[in-house]
N, C-alpha and C. Protein backbone atom coordinates (compact mmCIF):
# COMPACT_ATOMS: atom_id res chain seq x y z
N MET A 1 0.84 -1.17 0.00
CA MET A 1 0.00 0.00 0.00
C MET A 1 0.89 1.24 0.00
N LYS A 2 0.47 2.25 -0.73
CA LYS A 2 1.25 3.48 -0.83
C LYS A 2 0.82 4.46 0.26
N GLN A 3 1.79 5.13 0.87
CA GLN A 3 1.49 6.13 1.89
C GLN A 3 1.53 7.51 1.26
N ILE A 4 0.57 8.34 1.64
CA ILE A 4 0.48 9.71 1.14
C ILE A 4 0.36 10.64 2.33
N ILE A 5 1.12 11.71 2.32
CA ILE A 5 1.05 12.71 3.39
C ILE A 5 0.14 13.83 2.93
N VAL A 6 -0.84 14.16 3.78
CA VAL A 6 -1.82 15.20 3.46
C VAL A 6 -1.84 16.22 4.59
N GLU A 7 -1.76 17.50 4.25
CA GLU A 7 -1.85 18.54 5.27
C GLU A 7 -3.30 18.96 5.44
N LEU A 8 -3.73 19.05 6.70
CA LEU A 8 -5.09 19.47 7.03
C LEU A 8 -5.03 20.73 7.89
N ASP A 9 -6.00 21.63 7.70
CA ASP A 9 -6.04 22.78 8.59
C ASP A 9 -6.51 22.31 9.97
N ASP A 10 -6.33 23.15 10.98
CA ASP A 10 -6.62 22.75 12.36
C ASP A 10 -8.08 22.34 12.56
N GLU A 11 -9.00 23.07 11.96
CA GLU A 11 -10.42 22.76 12.13
C GLU A 11 -10.76 21.39 11.54
N LEU A 12 -10.27 21.13 10.33
CA LEU A 12 -10.55 19.84 9.69
C LEU A 12 -9.89 18.69 10.46
N ALA A 13 -8.68 18.92 10.95
CA ALA A 13 -7.99 17.89 11.74
C ALA A 13 -8.76 17.58 13.03
N ALA A 14 -9.30 18.61 13.67
CA ALA A 14 -10.07 18.41 14.91
C ALA A 14 -11.35 17.63 14.62
N ARG A 15 -12.02 17.98 13.53
CA ARG A 15 -13.25 17.26 13.16
C ARG A 15 -12.94 15.80 12.85
N LEU A 16 -11.84 15.56 12.16
CA LEU A 16 -11.43 14.19 11.84
C LEU A 16 -11.12 13.42 13.12
N GLU A 17 -10.46 14.05 14.06
CA GLU A 17 -10.11 13.40 15.33
C GLU A 17 -11.37 12.99 16.09
N ARG A 18 -12.42 13.83 16.04
CA ARG A 18 -13.67 13.49 16.74
C ARG A 18 -14.37 12.29 16.08
N VAL A 19 -14.34 12.23 14.77
CA VAL A 19 -15.06 11.17 14.04
C VAL A 19 -14.23 9.90 13.94
N ALA A 20 -12.94 10.05 13.68
CA ALA A 20 -12.07 8.89 13.48
C ALA A 20 -10.74 9.11 14.19
N PRO A 21 -10.68 8.76 15.46
CA PRO A 21 -9.42 8.91 16.21
C PRO A 21 -8.29 8.12 15.56
N SER A 22 -7.07 8.56 15.81
CA SER A 22 -5.91 7.94 15.15
C SER A 22 -5.57 6.55 15.68
N ARG A 23 -6.10 6.18 16.82
CA ARG A 23 -5.76 4.87 17.40
C ARG A 23 -6.34 3.73 16.56
N ALA A 24 -5.66 2.63 16.57
CA ALA A 24 -6.11 1.36 15.97
C ALA A 24 -6.46 1.48 14.48
N ARG A 25 -5.79 2.32 13.76
CA ARG A 25 -5.96 2.46 12.31
C ARG A 25 -7.36 2.86 11.87
N ARG A 26 -8.20 3.25 12.81
CA ARG A 26 -9.57 3.64 12.45
C ARG A 26 -9.56 4.86 11.52
N ARG A 27 -8.64 5.77 11.75
CA ARG A 27 -8.56 6.97 10.93
C ARG A 27 -8.18 6.62 9.49
N SER A 28 -7.22 5.75 9.31
CA SER A 28 -6.81 5.36 7.95
C SER A 28 -7.96 4.73 7.19
N ILE A 29 -8.70 3.85 7.86
CA ILE A 29 -9.85 3.21 7.22
C ILE A 29 -10.89 4.26 6.84
N PHE A 30 -11.15 5.19 7.74
CA PHE A 30 -12.12 6.25 7.48
C PHE A 30 -11.71 7.09 6.27
N ILE A 31 -10.44 7.49 6.22
CA ILE A 31 -9.96 8.33 5.12
C ILE A 31 -10.00 7.57 3.79
N ARG A 32 -9.59 6.30 3.80
CA ARG A 32 -9.65 5.51 2.56
C ARG A 32 -11.09 5.42 2.04
N GLU A 33 -12.03 5.15 2.95
CA GLU A 33 -13.44 5.04 2.54
C GLU A 33 -13.97 6.39 2.03
N ALA A 34 -13.59 7.47 2.69
CA ALA A 34 -14.02 8.80 2.24
C ALA A 34 -13.47 9.11 0.84
N LEU A 35 -12.23 8.74 0.60
CA LEU A 35 -11.64 8.95 -0.73
C LEU A 35 -12.35 8.10 -1.78
N ARG A 36 -12.63 6.84 -1.46
CA ARG A 36 -13.35 5.98 -2.41
C ARG A 36 -14.70 6.59 -2.78
N ARG A 37 -15.42 7.03 -1.76
CA ARG A 37 -16.74 7.64 -2.01
C ARG A 37 -16.62 8.90 -2.86
N ALA A 38 -15.67 9.75 -2.53
CA ALA A 38 -15.49 11.00 -3.28
C ALA A 38 -15.12 10.71 -4.73
N LEU A 39 -14.26 9.73 -4.95
CA LEU A 39 -13.87 9.38 -6.32
C LEU A 39 -15.03 8.77 -7.09
N ASP A 40 -15.81 7.91 -6.43
CA ASP A 40 -16.99 7.32 -7.07
C ASP A 40 -18.01 8.40 -7.44
N GLU A 41 -18.23 9.35 -6.53
CA GLU A 41 -19.17 10.44 -6.80
C GLU A 41 -18.69 11.31 -7.95
N ALA A 42 -17.39 11.57 -8.02
CA ALA A 42 -16.84 12.36 -9.13
C ALA A 42 -17.06 11.64 -10.46
N LEU A 43 -16.86 10.33 -10.47
CA LEU A 43 -17.08 9.55 -11.69
C LEU A 43 -18.56 9.57 -12.07
N GLU A 44 -19.45 9.45 -11.08
CA GLU A 44 -20.89 9.51 -11.35
C GLU A 44 -21.28 10.86 -11.96
N ARG A 45 -20.73 11.95 -11.41
CA ARG A 45 -21.04 13.28 -11.95
C ARG A 45 -20.54 13.40 -13.39
N LYS A 46 -19.35 12.89 -13.65
CA LYS A 46 -18.78 12.94 -15.00
C LYS A 46 -19.63 12.13 -15.98
N THR A 47 -20.07 10.94 -15.56
CA THR A 47 -20.91 10.10 -16.41
C THR A 47 -22.25 10.77 -16.66
N ALA A 48 -22.87 11.33 -15.63
CA ALA A 48 -24.15 12.02 -15.78
C ALA A 48 -24.02 13.20 -16.74
N GLU A 49 -22.93 13.93 -16.64
CA GLU A 49 -22.69 15.06 -17.54
C GLU A 49 -22.54 14.58 -18.99
N ALA A 50 -21.85 13.47 -19.18
CA ALA A 50 -21.69 12.92 -20.53
C ALA A 50 -23.04 12.53 -21.12
N TYR A 51 -23.91 11.91 -20.31
CA TYR A 51 -25.25 11.56 -20.79
C TYR A 51 -26.09 12.81 -21.04
N ARG A 52 -25.89 13.84 -20.23
CA ARG A 52 -26.64 15.08 -20.45
C ARG A 52 -26.23 15.73 -21.76
N LEU A 53 -24.93 15.73 -22.05
CA LEU A 53 -24.44 16.34 -23.28
C LEU A 53 -24.76 15.50 -24.51
N HIS A 54 -24.76 14.19 -24.35
CA HIS A 54 -25.01 13.27 -25.47
C HIS A 54 -26.04 12.23 -25.04
N PRO A 55 -27.33 12.61 -25.02
CA PRO A 55 -28.35 11.66 -24.57
C PRO A 55 -28.47 10.47 -25.51
N PRO A 56 -28.91 9.33 -25.00
CA PRO A 56 -29.09 8.16 -25.85
C PRO A 56 -30.13 8.46 -26.94
N THR A 57 -29.96 7.83 -28.08
CA THR A 57 -30.87 8.04 -29.20
C THR A 57 -31.85 6.88 -29.30
N GLU A 58 -32.70 6.93 -30.35
CA GLU A 58 -33.62 5.82 -30.58
C GLU A 58 -32.86 4.52 -30.81
N MET A 59 -31.64 4.61 -31.29
CA MET A 59 -30.84 3.41 -31.53
C MET A 59 -30.55 2.66 -30.24
N ALA A 60 -30.72 3.31 -29.11
CA ALA A 60 -30.42 2.67 -27.83
C ALA A 60 -31.29 1.44 -27.61
N GLU A 61 -32.52 1.42 -28.19
CA GLU A 61 -33.38 0.25 -28.00
C GLU A 61 -32.78 -1.01 -28.60
N TYR A 62 -31.94 -0.86 -29.61
CA TYR A 62 -31.30 -2.03 -30.21
C TYR A 62 -30.28 -2.66 -29.26
N PHE A 63 -29.82 -1.90 -28.32
CA PHE A 63 -28.84 -2.40 -27.37
C PHE A 63 -29.48 -2.83 -26.05
N ASP A 64 -30.80 -2.77 -25.97
CA ASP A 64 -31.53 -3.16 -24.76
C ASP A 64 -31.94 -4.63 -24.88
N PRO A 65 -31.35 -5.52 -24.09
CA PRO A 65 -31.69 -6.95 -24.19
C PRO A 65 -33.17 -7.23 -24.02
N ALA A 66 -33.90 -6.38 -23.29
CA ALA A 66 -35.34 -6.61 -23.10
C ALA A 66 -36.09 -6.48 -24.43
N GLU A 67 -35.54 -5.74 -25.37
CA GLU A 67 -36.18 -5.55 -26.67
C GLU A 67 -35.89 -6.70 -27.64
N TRP A 68 -34.95 -7.54 -27.32
CA TRP A 68 -34.53 -8.60 -28.24
C TRP A 68 -35.48 -9.78 -28.26
N GLY A 69 -36.23 -9.99 -27.20
CA GLY A 69 -37.08 -11.18 -27.11
C GLY A 69 -36.25 -12.37 -26.65
N VAL A 70 -36.89 -13.51 -26.58
CA VAL A 70 -36.20 -14.72 -26.11
C VAL A 70 -35.48 -15.35 -27.28
N ALA A 71 -34.23 -15.60 -27.13
CA ALA A 71 -33.45 -16.24 -28.19
C ALA A 71 -33.73 -17.73 -28.19
N ALA A 72 -33.85 -18.29 -29.39
CA ALA A 72 -34.08 -19.73 -29.50
C ALA A 72 -32.79 -20.45 -29.15
N ARG A 73 -32.92 -21.50 -28.36
CA ARG A 73 -31.74 -22.27 -27.96
C ARG A 73 -31.87 -23.68 -28.51
N PRO A 74 -30.79 -24.22 -29.02
CA PRO A 74 -30.84 -25.61 -29.47
C PRO A 74 -30.97 -26.53 -28.26
N PRO A 75 -31.55 -27.72 -28.45
CA PRO A 75 -31.69 -28.65 -27.32
C PRO A 75 -30.32 -29.03 -26.77
N ARG A 76 -30.27 -29.20 -25.44
CA ARG A 76 -29.01 -29.59 -24.80
C ARG A 76 -28.72 -31.05 -25.05
N ARG A 77 -27.50 -31.32 -25.25
CA ARG A 77 -27.06 -32.70 -25.38
C ARG A 77 -26.38 -33.09 -24.09
N SER A 78 -26.60 -34.31 -23.71
CA SER A 78 -25.99 -34.81 -22.49
C SER A 78 -24.49 -34.98 -22.73
N THR A 79 -23.72 -34.63 -21.74
CA THR A 79 -22.27 -34.80 -21.86
C THR A 79 -21.83 -36.16 -21.35
N ARG A 80 -22.76 -36.89 -20.71
CA ARG A 80 -22.43 -38.23 -20.23
C ARG A 80 -22.59 -39.22 -21.36
N SER A 81 -21.76 -40.22 -21.35
CA SER A 81 -21.92 -41.26 -22.37
C SER A 81 -23.05 -42.19 -21.95
N ARG A 82 -23.80 -42.62 -22.92
CA ARG A 82 -24.93 -43.50 -22.64
C ARG A 82 -24.51 -44.95 -22.81
N LYS A 83 -25.03 -45.78 -21.93
CA LYS A 83 -24.77 -47.22 -22.06
C LYS A 83 -25.83 -47.82 -22.96
N ARG A 84 -25.39 -48.68 -23.84
CA ARG A 84 -26.35 -49.37 -24.71
C ARG A 84 -26.94 -50.54 -23.96
N ARG A 85 -28.21 -50.70 -24.15
CA ARG A 85 -28.88 -51.85 -23.53
C ARG A 85 -28.78 -53.05 -24.46
N SER A 86 -28.48 -54.19 -23.92
CA SER A 86 -28.47 -55.40 -24.74
C SER A 86 -29.85 -56.02 -24.71
N ALA A 87 -30.25 -56.51 -25.86
CA ALA A 87 -31.58 -57.12 -25.94
C ALA A 87 -31.55 -58.59 -25.72
């Protein structure tokens, strides 16, 4: 795992200490989770903006599996070998 040093102002450091004290690695877990959430939210905003700028067209229905209907499937063949019965 890579270590990163981050400077916090006194107010933010105090708030962090109240929510996630430095003992027992609780703070590191809290910060990692906060970063994951922030990065996920940034990606969601970017994706939403892309859809806003370029909305899906009527062609999108061709890519919707619900519009395809049920595909015909060939009958399954047994993978076990069959024993012949003697008459």
